[in-house]
PDB file of N, CA and C in Angstrom:
ATOM      1  N   MET A   1      83.278  82.447 103.622  1.00  0.00           N
ATOM      2  CA  MET A   1      83.011  82.009 102.376  1.00  0.00           C
ATOM      3  C   MET A   1      84.386  81.705 101.661  1.00  0.00           C
ATOM      4  N   ASP A   2      83.746  80.194 100.980  1.00  0.00           N
ATOM      5  CA  ASP A   2      84.957  79.498  99.968  1.00  0.00           C
ATOM      6  C   ASP A   2      85.263  80.585  98.841  1.00  0.00           C
ATOM      7  N   LYS A   3      86.112  79.948  97.948  1.00  0.00           N
ATOM      8  CA  LYS A   3      86.411  80.557  96.650  1.00  0.00           C
ATOM      9  C   LYS A   3      85.428  80.488  95.664  1.00  0.00           C
ATOM     10  N   THR A   4      84.531  79.332  95.969  1.00  0.00           N
ATOM     11  CA  THR A   4      83.560  78.975  94.770  1.00  0.00           C
ATOM     12  C   THR A   4      82.176  80.211  95.162  1.00  0.00           C
ATOM     13  N   GLU A   5      82.133  80.447  96.581  1.00  0.00           N
ATOM     14  CA  GLU A   5      80.873  81.391  96.441  1.00  0.00           C
ATOM     15  C   GLU A   5      81.352  82.615  96.259  1.00  0.00           C
ATOM     16  N   LEU A   6      82.804  83.091  96.492  1.00  0.00           N
ATOM     17  CA  LEU A   6      83.343  84.176  96.215  1.00  0.00           C
ATOM     18  C   LEU A   6      82.968  84.398  94.570  1.00  0.00           C
ATOM     19  N   ALA A   7      83.766  83.517  93.921  1.00  0.00           N
ATOM     20  CA  ALA A   7      83.268  83.576  92.372  1.00  0.00           C
ATOM     21  C   ALA A   7      81.923  83.974  91.868  1.00  0.00           C
ATOM     22  N   LYS A   8      80.518  83.261  92.779  1.00  0.00           N
ATOM     23  CA  LYS A   8      79.672  83.290  92.317  1.00  0.00           C
ATOM     24  C   LYS A   8      79.005  84.802  92.563  1.00  0.00           C
ATOM     25  N   LEU A   9      79.124  85.064  93.799  1.00  0.00           N
ATOM     26  CA  LEU A   9      78.929  86.658  93.966  1.00  0.00           C
ATOM     27  C   LEU A   9      79.440  87.520  93.145  1.00  0.00           C
ATOM     28  N   GLU A  10      80.867  87.581  92.881  1.00  0.00           N
ATOM     29  CA  GLU A  10      81.631  88.459  91.716  1.00  0.00           C
ATOM     30  C   GLU A  10      80.744  88.259  90.281  1.00  0.00           C
ATOM     31  N   GLY A  11      80.534  87.085  89.962  1.00  0.00           N
ATOM     32  CA  GLY A  11      79.775  87.023  88.661  1.00  0.00           C
ATOM     33  C   GLY A  11      78.437  87.366  88.871  1.00  0.00           C
ATOM     34  N   TYR A  12      77.790  87.545  90.015  1.00  0.00           N
ATOM     35  CA  TYR A  12      76.530  88.063  90.022  1.00  0.00           C
ATOM     36  C   TYR A  12      76.553  89.796  89.901  1.00  0.00           C
ATOM     37  N   LEU A  13      77.523  90.308  90.709  1.00  0.00           N
ATOM     38  CA  LEU A  13      77.608  91.684  90.939  1.00  0.00           C
ATOM     39  C   LEU A  13      78.057  91.996  89.170  1.00  0.00           C
ATOM     40  N   ARG A  14      78.812  91.501  88.851  1.00  0.00           N
ATOM     41  CA  ARG A  14      79.244  92.009  87.452  1.00  0.00           C
ATOM     42  C   ARG A  14      78.203  91.844  86.507  1.00  0.00           C
ATOM     43  N   ARG A  15      77.327  91.052  86.572  1.00  0.00           N
ATOM     44  CA  ARG A  15      75.924  90.827  85.661  1.00  0.00           C
ATOM     45  C   ARG A  15      75.011  92.056  85.901  1.00  0.00           C
ATOM     46  N   THR A  16      75.159  91.972  87.270  1.00  0.00           N
ATOM     47  CA  THR A  16      73.948  93.180  87.730  1.00  0.00           C
ATOM     48  C   THR A  16      74.104  94.530  87.408  1.00  0.00           C
ATOM     49  N   PHE A  17      75.428  94.914  87.290  1.00  0.00           N
ATOM     50  CA  PHE A  17      76.196  96.234  87.442  1.00  0.00           C
ATOM     51  C   PHE A  17      76.608  96.062  85.960  1.00  0.00           C
ATOM     52  N   ALA A  18      76.606  95.204  85.226  1.00  0.00           N
ATOM     53  CA  ALA A  18      77.142  95.204  83.822  1.00  0.00           C
ATOM     54  C   ALA A  18      78.541  95.736  83.903  1.00  0.00           C
ATOM     55  N   ASN A  19      79.245  95.464  84.573  1.00  0.00           N
ATOM     56  CA  ASN A  19      80.828  96.003  84.816  1.00  0.00           C
ATOM     57  C   ASN A  19      81.768  94.874  85.544  1.00  0.00           C
ATOM     58  N   HIS A  20      82.674  94.646  84.472  1.00  0.00           N
ATOM     59  CA  HIS A  20      83.547  93.512  84.856  1.00  0.00           C
ATOM     60  C   HIS A  20      84.972  93.732  85.350  1.00  0.00           C
ATOM     61  N   ALA A  21      85.194  95.070  85.738  1.00  0.00           N
ATOM     62  CA  ALA A  21      85.877  95.533  86.807  1.00  0.00           C
ATOM     63  C   ALA A  21      85.865  95.264  88.345  1.00  0.00           C
ATOM     64  N   ILE A  22      84.654  94.958  88.755  1.00  0.00           N
ATOM     65  CA  ILE A  22      84.219  94.388  90.002  1.00  0.00           C
ATOM     66  C   ILE A  22      84.878  93.317  90.626  1.00  0.00           C
ATOM     67  N   SER A  23      85.576  93.141  91.249  1.00  0.00           N
ATOM     68  CA  SER A  23      86.075  91.987  92.116  1.00  0.00           C
ATOM     69  C   SER A  23      85.485  91.684  93.465  1.00  0.00           C
ATOM     70  N   VAL A  24      85.519  90.576  93.863  1.00  0.00           N
ATOM     71  CA  VAL A  24      85.019  90.043  95.223  1.00  0.00           C
ATOM     72  C   VAL A  24      86.007  89.309  95.920  1.00  0.00           C
ATOM     73  N   ARG A  25      86.879  89.776  97.025  1.00  0.00           N
ATOM     74  CA  ARG A  25      87.995  89.217  97.527  1.00  0.00           C
ATOM     75  C   ARG A  25      87.725  88.826  98.850  1.00  0.00           C
ATOM     76  N   ALA A  26      88.375  87.735  99.405  1.00  0.00           N
ATOM     77  CA  ALA A  26      88.491  87.586 100.758  1.00  0.00           C
ATOM     78  C   ALA A  26      89.090  88.057 101.918  1.00  0.00           C
ATOM     79  N   ARG A  27      88.586  88.090 102.738  1.00  0.00           N
ATOM     80  CA  ARG A  27      89.097  89.256 103.757  1.00  0.00           C
ATOM     81  C   ARG A  27      89.942  88.308 104.663  1.00  0.00           C
ATOM     82  N   MET A  28      91.160  89.129 105.226  1.00  0.00           N
ATOM     83  CA  MET A  28      91.950  88.464 106.066  1.00  0.00           C
ATOM     84  C   MET A  28      91.387  88.320 107.532  1.00  0.00           C
ATOM     85  N   LYS A  29      91.523  86.875 107.797  1.00  0.00           N
ATOM     86  CA  LYS A  29      91.117  86.531 109.286  1.00  0.00           C
ATOM     87  C   LYS A  29      89.619  86.392 109.245  1.00  0.00           C
ATOM     88  N   LYS A  30      89.051  86.479 108.215  1.00  0.00           N
ATOM     89  CA  LYS A  30      87.247  86.686 108.242  1.00  0.00           C
ATOM     90  C   LYS A  30      86.920  85.788 107.235  1.00  0.00           C
ATOM     91  N   ASN A  31      85.820  85.100 107.867  1.00  0.00           N
ATOM     92  CA  ASN A  31      85.245  83.972 106.973  1.00  0.00           C
ATOM     93  C   ASN A  31      83.810  84.551 106.976  1.00  0.00           C
ATOM     94  N   ASP A  32      83.149  85.275 107.159  1.00  0.00           N
ATOM     95  CA  ASP A  32      81.963  85.631 107.213  1.00  0.00           C
ATOM     96  C   ASP A  32      81.413  86.951 106.468  1.00  0.00           C
ATOM     97  N   SER A  33      82.761  87.439 105.844  1.00  0.00           N
ATOM     98  CA  SER A  33      82.371  88.634 104.632  1.00  0.00           C
ATOM     99  C   SER A  33      83.520  88.632 103.931  1.00  0.00           C
ATOM    100  N   ALA A  34      83.282  89.431 102.882  1.00  0.00           N
ATOM    101  CA  ALA A  34      84.078  89.661 101.546  1.00  0.00           C
ATOM    102  C   ALA A  34      84.229  91.202 101.333  1.00  0.00           C
ATOM    103  N   GLU A  35      85.523  91.481 100.536  1.00  0.00           N
ATOM    104  CA  GLU A  35      85.669  92.976 100.049  1.00  0.00           C
ATOM    105  C   GLU A  35      85.102  93.235  98.878  1.00  0.00           C
ATOM    106  N   VAL A  36      84.597  93.872  98.190  1.00  0.00           N
ATOM    107  CA  VAL A  36      84.190  94.345  97.071  1.00  0.00           C
ATOM    108  C   VAL A  36      84.952  95.491  96.383  1.00  0.00           C
ATOM    109  N   TYR A  37      85.800  95.508  95.189  1.00  0.00           N
ATOM    110  CA  TYR A  37      86.331  96.380  94.573  1.00  0.00           C
ATOM    111  C   TYR A  37      85.976  96.554  93.256  1.00  0.00           C
ATOM    112  N   LEU A  38      86.153  97.868  92.940  1.00  0.00           N
ATOM    113  CA  LEU A  38      85.918  98.343  91.387  1.00  0.00           C
ATOM    114  C   LEU A  38      87.340  98.761  90.762  1.00  0.00           C
ATOM    115  N   ALA A  39      87.867  97.840  90.242  1.00  0.00           N
ATOM    116  CA  ALA A  39      89.223  98.162  89.716  1.00  0.00           C
ATOM    117  C   ALA A  39      90.017  97.803  91.064  1.00  0.00           C
ATOM    118  N   ASP A  40      90.848  98.750  91.234  1.00  0.00           N
ATOM    119  CA  ASP A  40      91.696  98.833  92.794  1.00  0.00           C
ATOM    120  C   ASP A  40      90.883  99.456  93.873  1.00  0.00           C
ATOM    121  N   GLU A  41      89.940 100.156  93.592  1.00  0.00           N
ATOM    122  CA  GLU A  41      89.234 100.673  94.553  1.00  0.00           C
ATOM    123  C   GLU A  41      88.215 100.197  95.200  1.00  0.00           C
ATOM    124  N   PHE A  42      88.502 100.153  96.663  1.00  0.00           N
ATOM    125  CA  PHE A  42      87.263  99.573  97.591  1.00  0.00           C
ATOM    126  C   PHE A  42      86.173 100.109  97.718  1.00  0.00           C
ATOM    127  N   ILE A  43      84.865  99.460  97.530  1.00  0.00           N
ATOM    128  CA  ILE A  43      83.764 100.331  97.139  1.00  0.00           C
ATOM    129  C   ILE A  43      82.786  99.403  98.296  1.00  0.00           C
ATOM    130  N   GLY A  44      82.938  98.635  99.095  1.00  0.00           N
ATOM    131  CA  GLY A  44      82.121  97.823  99.960  1.00  0.00           C
ATOM    132  C   GLY A  44      82.507  96.630 100.554  1.00  0.00           C
ATOM    133  N   ILE A  45      81.518  96.034 101.356  1.00  0.00           N
ATOM    134  CA  ILE A  45      81.650  94.723 102.158  1.00  0.00           C
ATOM    135  C   ILE A  45      80.327  94.182 101.751  1.00  0.00           C
ATOM    136  N   ILE A  46      80.445  92.779 101.677  1.00  0.00           N
ATOM    137  CA  ILE A  46      79.496  91.716 101.733  1.00  0.00           C
ATOM    138  C   ILE A  46      79.449  90.976 102.700  1.00  0.00           C
ATOM    139  N   HIS A  47      78.415  90.642 103.529  1.00  0.00           N
ATOM    140  CA  HIS A  47      78.336  89.870 104.905  1.00  0.00           C
ATOM    141  C   HIS A  47      77.526  88.909 104.304  1.00  0.00           C
ATOM    142  N   VAL A  48      77.662  87.702 104.960  1.00  0.00           N
ATOM    143  CA  VAL A  48      76.626  86.575 104.973  1.00  0.00           C
ATOM    144  C   VAL A  48      75.844  86.398 106.473  1.00  0.00           C
ATOM    145  N   ASP A  49      74.433  86.124 106.124  1.00  0.00           N
ATOM    146  CA  ASP A  49      73.543  86.253 106.689  1.00  0.00           C
ATOM    147  C   ASP A  49      73.000  84.674 107.147  1.00  0.00           C
ATOM    148  N   ASP A  50      73.271  83.797 108.056  1.00  0.00           N
ATOM    149  CA  ASP A  50      73.003  82.522 107.839  1.00  0.00           C
ATOM    150  C   ASP A  50      71.762  82.391 108.859  1.00  0.00           C
ATOM    151  N   GLU A  51      70.823  83.395 109.410  1.00  0.00           N
ATOM    152  CA  GLU A  51      69.883  83.440 110.288  1.00  0.00           C
ATOM    153  C   GLU A  51      68.782  82.428 109.403  1.00  0.00           C
ATOM    154  N   ASP A  52      67.856  81.789 110.569  1.00  0.00           N
ATOM    155  CA  ASP A  52      67.125  81.053 109.972  1.00  0.00           C
ATOM    156  C   ASP A  52      67.017  79.889 108.808  1.00  0.00           C
ATOM    157  N   GLY A  53      68.386  79.585 108.932  1.00  0.00           N
ATOM    158  CA  GLY A  53      68.799  78.524 107.688  1.00  0.00           C
ATOM    159  C   GLY A  53      68.455  78.840 106.472  1.00  0.00           C
ATOM    160  N   ASP A  54      68.442  80.243 106.217  1.00  0.00           N
ATOM    161  CA  ASP A  54      68.483  80.665 104.770  1.00  0.00           C
ATOM    162  C   ASP A  54      69.756  81.594 104.879  1.00  0.00           C
ATOM    163  N   ARG A  55      70.344  81.358 103.762  1.00  0.00           N
ATOM    164  CA  ARG A  55      71.712  81.866 103.503  1.00  0.00           C
ATOM    165  C   ARG A  55      71.275  83.164 102.553  1.00  0.00           C
ATOM    166  N   SER A  56      71.845  84.328 103.190  1.00  0.00           N
ATOM    167  CA  SER A  56      71.778  85.489 102.105  1.00  0.00           C
ATOM    168  C   SER A  56      72.902  86.358 102.342  1.00  0.00           C
ATOM    169  N   PHE A  57      73.274  87.282 101.347  1.00  0.00           N
ATOM    170  CA  PHE A  57      74.139  87.871 101.498  1.00  0.00           C
ATOM    171  C   PHE A  57      74.010  89.595 101.430  1.00  0.00           C
ATOM    172  N   ASN A  58      74.418  90.591 102.259  1.00  0.00           N
ATOM    173  CA  ASN A  58      74.100  91.878 102.546  1.00  0.00           C
ATOM    174  C   ASN A  58      75.280  92.562 101.647  1.00  0.00           C
ATOM    175  N   PHE A  59      74.945  93.666 101.004  1.00  0.00           N
ATOM    176  CA  PHE A  59      76.131  94.595 100.372  1.00  0.00           C
ATOM    177  C   PHE A  59      76.151  95.624 100.976  1.00  0.00           C
ATOM    178  N   THR A  60      77.024  96.308 101.627  1.00  0.00           N
ATOM    179  CA  THR A  60      76.860  97.614 102.157  1.00  0.00           C
ATOM    180  C   THR A  60      78.497  98.430 101.552  1.00  0.00           C
ATOM    181  N   MET A  61      77.684  99.286 100.838  1.00  0.00           N
ATOM    182  CA  MET A  61      78.916 100.689 100.375  1.00  0.00           C
ATOM    183  C   MET A  61      78.404 101.664 101.124  1.00  0.00           C
ATOM    184  N   ALA A  62      79.452 102.473 101.770  1.00  0.00           N
ATOM    185  CA  ALA A  62      79.302 103.660 102.162  1.00  0.00           C
ATOM    186  C   ALA A  62      79.479 104.633 100.981  1.00  0.00           C
ATOM    187  N   ILE A  63      79.252 105.937 101.055  1.00  0.00           N
ATOM    188  CA  ILE A  63      79.231 107.074 100.019  1.00  0.00           C
ATOM    189  C   ILE A  63      79.566 108.164 100.667  1.00  0.00           C
ATOM    190  N   LEU A  64      80.724 108.712 100.621  1.00  0.00           N
ATOM    191  CA  LEU A  64      80.880 110.141 101.333  1.00  0.00           C
ATOM    192  C   LEU A  64      80.742 111.197 100.456  1.00  0.00           C
ATOM    193  N   ASP A  65      80.565 112.431 101.477  1.00  0.00           N
ATOM    194  CA  ASP A  65      79.819 113.566 100.852  1.00  0.00           C
ATOM    195  C   ASP A  65      80.968 114.025  99.823  1.00  0.00           C
ATOM    196  N   VAL A  66      82.137 113.835 100.131  1.00  0.00           N
ATOM    197  CA  VAL A  66      83.109 114.606  99.365  1.00  0.00           C
ATOM    198  C   VAL A  66      82.996 113.723  98.021  1.00  0.00           C
ATOM    199  N   ASP A  67      82.689 112.495  97.860  1.00  0.00           N
ATOM    200  CA  ASP A  67      82.233 111.670  96.651  1.00  0.00           C
ATOM    201  C   ASP A  67      81.541 112.056  95.906  1.00  0.00           C
ATOM    202  N   LEU A  68      80.440 113.198  96.168  1.00  0.00           N
ATOM    203  CA  LEU A  68      79.577 113.754  95.520  1.00  0.00           C
ATOM    204  C   LEU A  68      79.562 114.738  94.885  1.00  0.00           C
ATOM    205  N   GLU A  69      80.629 115.421  95.180  1.00  0.00           N
ATOM    206  CA  GLU A  69      81.047 116.844  94.759  1.00  0.00           C
ATOM    207  C   GLU A  69      81.671 116.565  93.261  1.00  0.00           C
ATOM    208  N   ASP A  70      81.500 117.264  92.416  1.00  0.00           N
ATOM    209  CA  ASP A  70      81.723 117.533  91.115  1.00  0.00           C
ATOM    210  C   ASP A  70      83.010 117.685  90.811  1.00  0.00           C
TER     211      ASP A  70
END
């Protein structure tokens, strides 16, 4: 992913979740995925899917059971 695509993904996530603290950052030595942060906290990965000539993106976010505790 290039800088333009990262910026578009970041804008989309910020609008969708109404949160300007979301950032999408390039990964070291990887160009098929990016890291997603909420402020300084890592929250997930976006992977590129280029199968069948259609480009799409998959956002994966793990939620630990300890995160659900009050």
